[in-house]
Each structure stands twice: as C-alpha cells, then as structure tokens.
Amino acid sequence: LPRNLFGRRHDFLLPSKMACVRHLLALSLGVAALGEELATPLSAASKTAMPDSPEGPIPQSNPNFSQQNGSLEALKFGEKSNFSQQKGASEVGISQENSNFSSNFSEQKLSLASTRSSARSYSYSQTDAVELAYLVTATYCRNLAGWNCGVACSENSVADFVDYEDDSTGIRAIVGRREDDTCFMAFRGTQSTAGVVADVLSIFLVPKANCWNEGRPCMVSGSFQSQYNTAAPHLREALSNLSCDGQEIDIVGHSLGGAMATLAAWDFAVSGYNLRHVYTFGAPRQGNSDFAEAVRQVVTIMRVTRADDPVVLVPWLKDGYAHTGVEVYYVGAVSRGYRICYGEDDTCSVSNSGNFAWNVLACGIDSSRSLCGHAKYMNDAKVGLMTSGSCANQNLAASAEPDVFFP
C-alpha cells in the first residue's frame, strides 16, 4: 500500500485512526505500513535498557535434541544475586534468599524482601517446553470432559482440573492437578493472530499496583491488567479447591495467554506460591522495563519465541514496552536449534521486525494456520498446532516443518 495511505507516516498509530488499523489488520490488509514501522533499525537510544548476560547471547550451535534435559551451561546461577543495577549483574537464576531488596519505600510500596516466594534458578528444558506446549494447546479444546481431548490432553496425566472461562474478557484458563500432585495453570490465547496485533496496538500503559523498581512504579498494559484482575480471584479459588496451595505449580500461556501467564507469575510469586516452571509461547510485551525488572527479581520466565511470529514484536518498543524473562528463540522448527537471549536483544526475535507485515499477512490469509508461525511452537517435537485443530486428533503424526519463510 502507498506509504502515505494514512497521511503522515506515524498517523496510523494515533487513537483517532485506531479503528482503521484494527479493521485493516483483521482483514490482513495494510500490514505493509506496519511492517515498515517496525523495519526501522533500533537506535541505541530506543533500545530498552536491560542487563546483559555476562556471557552474552548464547547460540545453540548443535541442534541435536536427543539430550532432552535441555540444560544450558550458559545459564549459570550465582550463589548471590545483586539487583542494584551494577554493570554486568544479570544472572538468569535469581535466588531471593540471597538477594538484598531494599525496603526504603513507603508502606504503600511493595517490599520484595517480604514475599514468601523464592525465585527458582533453572535453565531451559526443551522437554518441559514440549510438555507445557501440549498443556496450553488443550486450552483451545472446547470439550475437556474426562480430560479426553486427544493428543493435547494425553501428553499430561491430569487427575483433576477446573475450567475457567469469561466471555466478557475472552480469558480461558485451565487450572489442574496432575497425578504426581504437581499443579498447573494454563492460559489460552486468541483465535486470530491479526486480532491479537490489533488489540495490543490499542492499549496504553498504566501504573501497576504494589509494583516498584528502584523507586519507579511498574507500568503495564491497562487492558491486560484489567483482564487479569477479573480472573485472579477465580484462579486462586481453583487452586485452593484442588489443594494446590502448597504444591509446585507450573504456569504457561500462549499468545495473549502468555501475557496473562506473566501477570499471574508475578501475582502468585509475590503471594508466596511455589512456582516451579513459567513458560510462555508467542507472548506480546506486557509492560515497561521497570515491570520487566521487577518480574525478574521474583520469578524466572522462559519466553519462547519464533522468527516468524509477529505477536512477539508488539506492543512497540518505542511506546515504552519491554519484554521480561529469558528469551528462547527458535528460527523455526525445533530441529533447527535455538539460542538464548536476554532483554531486548536484536539478534533474537527483534531481528525479524522487517518481516512483521509478511508474517501478519501469512497468519491472516491461512485459515488452517499451518503457515502461521504464531501457531507452530515446538513443531517437529510436538504433534499438532496450538489451535483447536489439534483437539481430539489421537492419530496426528509429527512431521517435518517446511521452511516457508526462512529457508
């Protein structure tokens, strides 16, 4: 489309033009203009200030995943962690017992030292990622009676669960207890990738209650926070009813469900719940860099991304947003390997900003979503897409993923 379709180059991001953007994205039209916006290289000033790993970004040079423990020596965890913004202080593992969180704020401000939760130190496990990817796929299945939804359910042995859904917010979460007595909370994403992009473009940052980083308030998406606030009491009640209050809990989400999973991870970590693993797949940004840092201080989140997923690029960095967690970046299929990045590293998913328009278009025109990277997480180690099409299909077979966009 012409570069000046919306008038001045940046006019289409203004609230007065948002309805037009929403409809164009929903129809997968006009995305070229958005792609051009993201294609601009990040300047040093626009990059979000994040602590770098002492070792730097770590490529997975050998894509042989027979070692299913997925452990990375590069993710080393120090005996003590210092979160005082000193240069180079960026170990992924966070040990709250040894962390010195200042309580100089007023009583209205949260003192992280008072939380009962201890942020775990663990490295990325591809085995865990595949198991949790199946779990979040089950949230797209309409009928979960008896935990019998095909391959998405059969990969997790669930003893009991609560199915929470709110039509007014679009949130669906499955809270469950496995047969080994570990518990989980899985959040569904939306059905439309174009819809996800349109929604996150229209949200604004608001202060997050009781969340501070070095005296600055955390800022989060007002839309995301409002949706989560509606669900939170129901999630707590479900955990209590399943006798999960003292058990190890996994939290996972896909797409906008990844945003909900991140907010839940913060909420339940500072409330003292025993979080084991927190994984997100294709999650958009949820807040600013202060929120990202506050989250890192209490819980480790493995944020799985793909090169052909446009959702992980929004909301824009230039609008004050920043990703939290450890990025586990896949170019495509699992067999092609992954690399670990920290913060907003432009050697990982941020490097694909120039392909944003094409990837949104591919997801919008493909009704089966077989060409949509946003639905293909953990392909060829996992059977089926992260869509309702993977429900009740007991005989799906894993197949090699064609290199459609990134040969």
Protein backbone atom coordinates (compact mmCIF):
# COMPACT_ATOMS: atom_id res chain seq x y z
CA LEU A 1 0.00 0.00 0.00
CA PRO A 2 1.19 3.59 -0.52
CA ARG A 3 3.38 4.84 2.25
CA ASN A 4 1.14 7.84 2.80
CA LEU A 5 -2.13 5.89 2.96
CA PHE A 6 -2.84 7.20 6.43
CA GLY A 7 -1.44 10.71 5.86
CA ARG A 8 1.76 11.28 7.74
CA ARG A 9 3.85 8.20 8.31
CA HIS A 10 3.02 7.82 12.01
CA ASP A 11 -0.59 8.96 11.91
CA PHE A 12 -1.99 5.44 11.82
CA LEU A 13 -0.81 4.81 15.38
CA LEU A 14 -2.88 7.65 16.79
CA PRO A 15 -6.03 6.63 18.73
CA SER A 16 -8.23 8.52 16.24
CA LYS A 17 -7.08 6.19 13.47
CA MET A 18 -7.11 3.01 15.58
CA ALA A 19 -10.40 1.73 14.28
CA CYS A 20 -8.99 1.83 10.77
CA VAL A 21 -5.88 -0.07 11.84
CA ARG A 22 -7.95 -2.70 13.63
CA HIS A 23 -10.08 -3.43 10.56
CA LEU A 24 -7.12 -3.49 8.22
CA LEU A 25 -5.23 -5.92 10.40
CA ALA A 26 -8.25 -8.12 10.88
CA LEU A 27 -8.50 -8.38 7.08
CA SER A 28 -4.71 -8.78 6.76
CA LEU A 29 -4.61 -5.62 4.64
CA GLY A 30 -2.48 -2.59 5.23
CA VAL A 31 0.11 -4.60 7.15
CA ALA A 32 2.88 -3.39 4.91
CA ALA A 33 2.63 0.01 6.54
CA LEU A 34 3.05 -1.56 9.96
CA GLY A 35 5.95 -3.65 8.77
CA GLU A 36 7.72 -0.53 7.56
CA GLU A 37 7.29 1.00 11.02
CA LEU A 38 8.99 -1.96 12.69
CA ALA A 39 11.60 -2.38 9.99
CA THR A 40 13.43 0.75 11.15
CA PRO A 41 16.61 -0.38 12.92
CA LEU A 42 16.61 0.16 16.65
CA SER A 43 18.81 3.06 17.69
CA ALA A 44 20.90 2.90 20.81
CA ALA A 45 18.53 5.33 22.45
CA SER A 46 15.43 3.34 21.60
CA LYS A 47 16.72 0.02 22.88
CA THR A 48 15.34 -0.85 26.29
CA ALA A 49 17.98 -0.76 28.98
CA MET A 50 18.31 -4.35 30.14
CA PRO A 51 21.12 -6.11 31.97
CA ASP A 52 23.22 -8.21 29.64
CA SER A 53 24.31 -11.73 30.32
CA PRO A 54 27.95 -12.00 31.37
CA GLU A 55 28.42 -14.43 28.54
CA GLY A 56 26.23 -12.56 26.06
CA PRO A 57 23.62 -14.19 23.82
CA ILE A 58 24.26 -17.89 23.56
CA PRO A 59 23.59 -19.71 20.28
CA GLN A 60 22.60 -23.36 20.35
CA SER A 61 25.11 -24.45 17.74
CA ASN A 62 24.26 -28.14 17.79
CA PRO A 63 20.56 -28.73 17.06
CA ASN A 64 20.70 -32.31 18.31
CA PHE A 65 17.90 -32.51 20.82
CA SER A 66 18.37 -36.06 21.94
CA GLN A 67 19.57 -34.53 25.17
CA GLN A 68 16.07 -33.89 26.36
CA ASN A 69 17.07 -32.29 29.61
CA GLY A 70 17.67 -29.11 27.59
CA SER A 71 20.14 -27.84 30.17
CA LEU A 72 22.34 -24.96 29.07
CA GLU A 73 25.67 -24.50 30.77
CA ALA A 74 25.47 -20.89 29.73
CA LEU A 75 22.65 -20.23 32.16
CA LYS A 76 24.77 -20.14 35.27
CA PHE A 77 23.38 -19.10 38.56
CA GLY A 78 25.46 -17.33 41.15
CA GLU A 79 25.32 -18.07 44.84
CA LYS A 80 24.35 -14.46 45.40
CA SER A 81 22.40 -12.05 43.22
CA ASN A 82 22.71 -8.30 43.32
CA PHE A 83 19.95 -6.37 41.66
CA SER A 84 21.32 -2.85 42.27
CA GLN A 85 21.80 -2.07 38.56
CA GLN A 86 25.55 -2.74 38.78
CA LYS A 87 27.20 -3.37 35.46
CA GLY A 88 27.04 -7.00 34.38
CA ALA A 89 24.70 -8.14 37.17
CA SER A 90 22.39 -10.29 35.10
CA GLU A 91 22.43 -13.97 36.04
CA VAL A 92 19.25 -15.64 34.83
CA GLY A 93 18.82 -17.55 38.08
CA ILE A 94 17.52 -15.38 40.89
CA SER A 95 17.86 -16.52 44.45
CA GLN A 96 15.64 -14.41 46.62
CA GLU A 97 17.18 -15.78 49.82
CA ASN A 98 20.47 -14.12 48.90
CA SER A 99 19.03 -11.04 47.23
CA ASN A 100 19.05 -7.73 49.02
CA PHE A 101 15.81 -5.97 48.22
CA SER A 102 15.63 -2.56 49.79
CA SER A 103 12.54 -1.71 51.82
CA ASN A 104 13.05 2.04 51.76
CA PHE A 105 9.75 2.64 50.03
CA SER A 106 6.61 3.74 51.81
CA GLU A 107 4.16 1.22 53.23
CA GLN A 108 2.10 1.51 50.05
CA LYS A 109 5.03 0.20 48.00
CA LEU A 110 5.76 -3.49 47.80
CA SER A 111 8.89 -4.71 49.55
CA LEU A 112 10.08 -7.73 47.64
CA ALA A 113 12.03 -8.87 50.68
CA SER A 114 8.73 -9.60 52.41
CA THR A 115 7.43 -12.02 49.81
CA ARG A 116 7.24 -15.67 50.77
CA SER A 117 8.11 -16.80 47.27
CA SER A 118 11.64 -17.82 46.35
CA ALA A 119 12.50 -17.30 42.71
CA ARG A 120 13.90 -20.55 41.38
CA SER A 121 17.10 -20.89 39.42
CA TYR A 122 16.71 -23.22 36.47
CA SER A 123 17.82 -23.49 32.90
CA TYR A 124 15.70 -24.01 29.83
CA SER A 125 14.40 -27.53 29.34
CA GLN A 126 13.07 -28.44 25.94
CA THR A 127 11.35 -31.48 27.43
CA ASP A 128 9.43 -29.21 29.80
CA ALA A 129 8.68 -26.83 26.94
CA VAL A 130 7.10 -29.56 24.81
CA GLU A 131 5.05 -30.89 27.73
CA LEU A 132 3.78 -27.42 28.58
CA ALA A 133 3.13 -26.67 24.91
CA TYR A 134 0.76 -29.64 24.81
CA LEU A 135 -0.87 -28.39 28.00
CA VAL A 136 -1.57 -24.94 26.62
CA THR A 137 -2.84 -26.49 23.37
CA ALA A 138 -5.52 -28.25 25.44
CA THR A 139 -6.93 -24.84 26.39
CA TYR A 140 -8.11 -24.45 22.78
CA CYS A 141 -10.27 -27.58 23.06
CA ARG A 142 -13.95 -26.95 23.75
CA ASN A 143 -14.79 -30.26 25.41
CA LEU A 144 -12.38 -31.33 28.12
CA ALA A 145 -14.72 -33.74 29.90
CA GLY A 146 -12.68 -36.51 31.48
CA TRP A 147 -9.51 -34.82 30.24
CA ASN A 148 -10.03 -36.51 26.90
CA CYS A 149 -9.21 -34.10 24.09
CA GLY A 150 -6.80 -36.15 22.03
CA VAL A 151 -3.06 -35.72 21.89
CA ALA A 152 -3.16 -32.33 23.61
CA CYS A 153 -4.56 -33.99 26.75
CA SER A 154 -2.86 -37.36 26.55
CA GLU A 155 0.63 -35.86 26.96
CA ASN A 156 -0.21 -34.70 30.51
CA SER A 157 -1.59 -37.01 33.21
CA VAL A 158 -4.20 -34.86 34.93
CA ALA A 159 -6.09 -36.07 38.00
CA ASP A 160 -8.49 -33.12 38.35
CA PHE A 161 -8.96 -29.67 36.87
CA VAL A 162 -11.10 -26.54 36.84
CA ASP A 163 -12.05 -24.93 33.52
CA TYR A 164 -12.41 -21.16 33.91
CA GLU A 165 -13.70 -19.02 31.04
CA ASP A 166 -15.01 -15.47 30.93
CA ASP A 167 -16.73 -14.50 27.70
CA SER A 168 -16.63 -10.81 28.61
CA THR A 169 -12.82 -10.74 28.73
CA GLY A 170 -12.03 -13.63 26.42
CA ILE A 171 -9.84 -15.28 29.05
CA ARG A 172 -9.82 -19.04 29.41
CA ALA A 173 -7.59 -20.80 31.91
CA ILE A 174 -7.32 -24.44 32.89
CA VAL A 175 -6.19 -24.93 36.49
CA GLY A 176 -5.32 -28.52 37.27
CA ARG A 177 -3.60 -31.05 39.46
CA ARG A 178 -1.51 -33.79 37.88
CA GLU A 179 -1.39 -37.36 39.08
CA ASP A 180 2.05 -36.67 40.57
CA ASP A 181 0.44 -33.91 42.69
CA THR A 182 2.12 -31.04 40.86
CA CYS A 183 -0.30 -28.36 39.71
CA PHE A 184 -0.59 -26.10 36.70
CA MET A 185 -2.30 -23.03 35.31
CA ALA A 186 -2.60 -22.80 31.51
CA PHE A 187 -3.92 -19.74 29.65
CA ARG A 188 -5.42 -19.86 26.17
CA GLY A 189 -4.60 -17.28 23.53
CA THR A 190 -6.93 -15.76 20.98
CA GLN A 191 -8.10 -17.47 17.81
CA SER A 192 -6.97 -14.68 15.46
CA THR A 193 -3.37 -13.54 15.13
CA ALA A 194 -4.46 -10.38 13.30
CA GLY A 195 -6.87 -9.75 16.15
CA VAL A 196 -4.05 -10.07 18.68
CA VAL A 197 -1.97 -7.48 16.83
CA ALA A 198 -4.90 -5.09 16.50
CA ASP A 199 -5.76 -5.41 20.20
CA VAL A 200 -2.27 -4.81 21.54
CA LEU A 201 -1.81 -1.78 19.30
CA SER A 202 -4.64 -0.01 21.10
CA ILE A 203 -3.50 -0.42 24.70
CA PHE A 204 -1.86 2.09 26.99
CA LEU A 205 0.48 1.76 29.94
CA VAL A 206 -0.88 2.34 33.44
CA PRO A 207 0.78 2.04 36.88
CA LYS A 208 0.65 -1.46 38.38
CA ALA A 209 -0.45 -1.56 42.00
CA ASN A 210 2.23 -2.52 44.55
CA CYS A 211 4.97 -2.96 41.95
CA TRP A 212 8.11 -0.82 42.05
CA ASN A 213 11.64 -0.96 40.69
CA GLU A 214 14.22 1.27 42.39
CA GLY A 215 11.53 3.75 43.39
CA ARG A 216 9.88 3.87 39.97
CA PRO A 217 6.39 2.43 39.51
CA CYS A 218 5.93 -0.53 37.21
CA MET A 219 3.82 0.28 34.16
CA VAL A 220 1.70 -2.38 32.46
CA SER A 221 -0.95 -2.60 29.78
CA GLY A 222 -4.20 -1.37 31.29
CA SER A 223 -6.13 -3.79 29.12
CA PHE A 224 -4.09 -6.83 30.14
CA GLN A 225 -4.18 -5.90 33.81
CA SER A 226 -7.95 -5.38 33.77
CA GLN A 227 -8.47 -8.77 32.16
CA TYR A 228 -6.21 -10.48 34.67
CA ASN A 229 -7.82 -8.74 37.66
CA THR A 230 -11.17 -10.22 36.63
CA ALA A 231 -9.74 -13.75 36.52
CA ALA A 232 -7.38 -13.65 39.52
CA PRO A 233 -9.85 -14.46 42.35
CA HIS A 234 -11.24 -17.39 40.34
CA LEU A 235 -7.74 -18.74 39.75
CA ARG A 236 -6.92 -18.58 43.46
CA GLU A 237 -10.18 -20.30 44.32
CA ALA A 238 -9.46 -23.06 41.79
CA LEU A 239 -6.00 -23.69 43.24
CA SER A 240 -7.47 -23.89 46.71
CA ASN A 241 -10.24 -26.27 45.66
CA LEU A 242 -7.64 -28.54 44.04
CA SER A 243 -5.47 -28.47 47.20
CA CYS A 244 -2.65 -26.85 45.21
CA ASP A 245 -1.83 -24.05 47.65
CA GLY A 246 1.28 -25.80 48.95
CA GLN A 247 2.18 -27.73 45.80
CA GLU A 248 4.60 -26.96 42.99
CA ILE A 249 2.82 -25.00 40.26
CA ASP A 250 3.61 -24.58 36.56
CA ILE A 251 2.24 -21.54 34.71
CA VAL A 252 2.05 -21.47 30.93
CA GLY A 253 0.33 -19.38 28.29
CA HIS A 254 0.23 -18.85 24.53
CA SER A 255 -0.31 -15.56 22.71
CA LEU A 256 -2.38 -13.18 24.87
CA GLY A 257 -2.49 -16.11 27.30
CA GLY A 258 1.26 -15.60 27.62
CA ALA A 259 0.60 -12.06 28.81
CA MET A 260 -1.87 -13.42 31.37
CA ALA A 261 0.66 -16.06 32.44
CA THR A 262 3.29 -13.37 33.06
CA LEU A 263 0.93 -11.28 35.18
CA ALA A 264 -0.12 -14.42 37.06
CA ALA A 265 3.52 -15.40 37.63
CA TRP A 266 4.20 -12.05 39.28
CA ASP A 267 0.99 -12.18 41.32
CA PHE A 268 1.44 -15.72 42.61
CA ALA A 269 5.19 -15.39 43.17
CA VAL A 270 4.89 -12.35 45.43
CA SER A 271 1.97 -14.05 47.19
CA GLY A 272 4.22 -16.93 48.20
CA TYR A 273 3.04 -19.72 45.91
CA ASN A 274 5.59 -22.37 45.00
CA LEU A 275 6.14 -21.76 41.29
CA ARG A 276 8.15 -24.44 39.50
CA HIS A 277 8.18 -23.52 35.80
CA VAL A 278 6.80 -20.49 33.98
CA TYR A 279 6.83 -20.73 30.18
CA THR A 280 5.19 -18.50 27.59
CA PHE A 281 4.87 -19.10 23.86
CA GLY A 282 4.41 -16.19 21.47
CA ALA A 283 3.61 -13.68 24.21
CA PRO A 284 3.35 -9.96 23.46
CA ARG A 285 5.04 -7.39 25.68
CA GLN A 286 3.04 -6.62 28.83
CA GLY A 287 4.69 -3.59 30.43
CA ASN A 288 7.71 -1.31 30.68
CA SER A 289 11.30 -2.09 31.61
CA ASP A 290 10.62 -1.47 35.33
CA PHE A 291 7.92 -4.13 35.29
CA ALA A 292 10.25 -6.46 33.38
CA GLU A 293 12.95 -5.99 36.02
CA ALA A 294 10.54 -6.39 38.94
CA VAL A 295 9.31 -9.67 37.48
CA ARG A 296 12.85 -10.95 37.00
CA GLN A 297 13.57 -10.34 40.66
CA VAL A 298 10.90 -12.76 41.86
CA VAL A 299 10.40 -15.39 39.15
CA THR A 300 12.25 -16.81 36.14
CA ILE A 301 10.15 -16.87 32.98
CA MET A 302 11.20 -18.80 29.87
CA ARG A 303 9.79 -16.78 26.97
CA VAL A 304 9.75 -18.97 23.85
CA THR A 305 9.67 -17.11 20.52
CA ARG A 306 9.86 -17.87 16.80
CA ALA A 307 11.32 -15.90 13.91
CA ASP A 308 8.01 -15.96 12.01
CA ASP A 309 5.74 -14.91 14.91
CA PRO A 310 4.64 -11.26 14.63
CA VAL A 311 2.92 -11.16 18.02
CA VAL A 312 6.18 -11.15 20.00
CA LEU A 313 7.06 -7.79 18.42
CA VAL A 314 4.11 -5.83 19.84
CA PRO A 315 3.35 -3.50 21.54
CA TRP A 316 6.17 -1.42 20.16
CA LEU A 317 9.41 -0.75 22.00
CA LYS A 318 9.13 2.93 21.11
CA ASP A 319 5.86 3.11 23.07
CA GLY A 320 7.68 2.23 26.29
CA TYR A 321 7.16 -1.54 26.36
CA ALA A 322 9.81 -4.16 27.12
CA HIS A 323 9.86 -7.95 27.33
CA THR A 324 10.66 -9.73 30.55
CA GLY A 325 12.07 -13.20 31.09
CA VAL A 326 14.71 -15.24 29.29
CA GLU A 327 14.09 -15.40 25.55
CA VAL A 328 14.40 -18.85 23.98
CA TYR A 329 14.49 -18.05 20.28
CA TYR A 330 13.72 -20.60 17.56
CA VAL A 331 14.24 -19.76 13.91
CA GLY A 332 11.54 -22.27 13.02
CA ALA A 333 11.16 -25.95 13.75
CA VAL A 334 12.76 -27.38 16.88
CA SER A 335 15.28 -29.36 14.83
CA ARG A 336 16.80 -26.10 13.57
CA GLY A 337 18.02 -25.16 17.02
CA TYR A 338 17.54 -22.23 19.35
CA ARG A 339 19.50 -19.54 21.11
CA ILE A 340 19.16 -17.82 24.46
CA CYS A 341 18.83 -14.03 24.67
CA TYR A 342 18.29 -11.53 27.46
CA GLY A 343 16.15 -8.42 27.39
CA GLU A 344 15.51 -6.84 24.00
CA ASP A 345 18.37 -8.46 22.11
CA ASP A 346 18.21 -7.64 18.40
CA THR A 347 19.95 -10.90 17.49
CA CYS A 348 16.81 -12.82 18.50
CA SER A 349 13.13 -12.14 17.72
CA VAL A 350 13.63 -8.36 17.44
CA SER A 351 15.81 -9.02 14.40
CA ASN A 352 12.69 -10.04 12.45
CA SER A 353 10.95 -6.66 12.68
CA GLY A 354 11.29 -6.20 8.94
CA ASN A 355 9.21 -9.35 8.33
CA PHE A 356 6.38 -8.25 10.61
CA ALA A 357 3.93 -7.31 7.83
CA TRP A 358 4.54 -10.51 5.89
CA ASN A 359 4.08 -12.70 8.96
CA VAL A 360 0.82 -10.99 9.96
CA LEU A 361 -0.45 -11.42 6.40
CA ALA A 362 0.53 -15.11 6.35
CA CYS A 363 -1.40 -15.74 9.56
CA GLY A 364 -4.41 -13.79 8.32
CA ILE A 365 -4.84 -15.49 4.94
CA ASP A 366 -4.27 -19.06 6.16
CA SER A 367 -7.47 -20.37 7.76
CA SER A 368 -5.77 -23.60 8.88
CA ARG A 369 -2.88 -21.56 10.32
CA SER A 370 -0.44 -24.19 9.07
CA LEU A 371 1.69 -21.38 7.62
CA CYS A 372 1.34 -19.15 10.69
CA GLY A 373 4.41 -19.16 12.90
CA HIS A 374 2.35 -18.00 15.87
CA ALA A 375 0.59 -21.39 15.95
CA LYS A 376 3.61 -23.61 15.26
CA TYR A 377 5.52 -23.55 18.54
CA MET A 378 7.65 -26.63 19.23
CA ASN A 379 6.97 -28.09 15.77
CA ASP A 380 8.53 -31.02 14.93
CA ALA A 381 8.98 -32.12 18.54
CA LYS A 382 5.26 -31.61 19.20
CA VAL A 383 2.29 -33.04 17.33
CA GLY A 384 -0.25 -30.53 16.07
CA LEU A 385 -0.56 -26.74 16.12
CA MET A 386 -1.54 -24.50 19.03
CA THR A 387 -5.09 -24.30 17.73
CA SER A 388 -8.41 -26.08 18.19
CA GLY A 389 -7.50 -28.17 15.14
CA SER A 390 -5.23 -30.24 17.38
CA CYS A 391 -8.10 -31.33 19.64
CA ALA A 392 -9.47 -34.89 19.62
CA ASN A 393 -7.00 -35.98 16.94
CA GLN A 394 -5.46 -39.05 18.51
CA ASN A 395 -3.60 -40.15 15.40
CA LEU A 396 -1.80 -36.99 14.37
CA ALA A 397 1.78 -37.65 13.40
CA ALA A 398 4.65 -35.23 13.82
CA SER A 399 6.11 -34.15 10.50
CA ALA A 400 8.98 -32.03 9.36
CA GLU A 401 8.13 -28.37 9.04
CA PRO A 402 8.71 -26.80 5.62
CA ASP A 403 10.87 -23.70 5.52
CA VAL A 404 8.20 -21.37 4.14
CA PHE A 405 9.57 -18.01 5.24
CA PHE A 406 13.12 -18.54 6.45
CA PRO A 407 14.94 -21.13 4.33
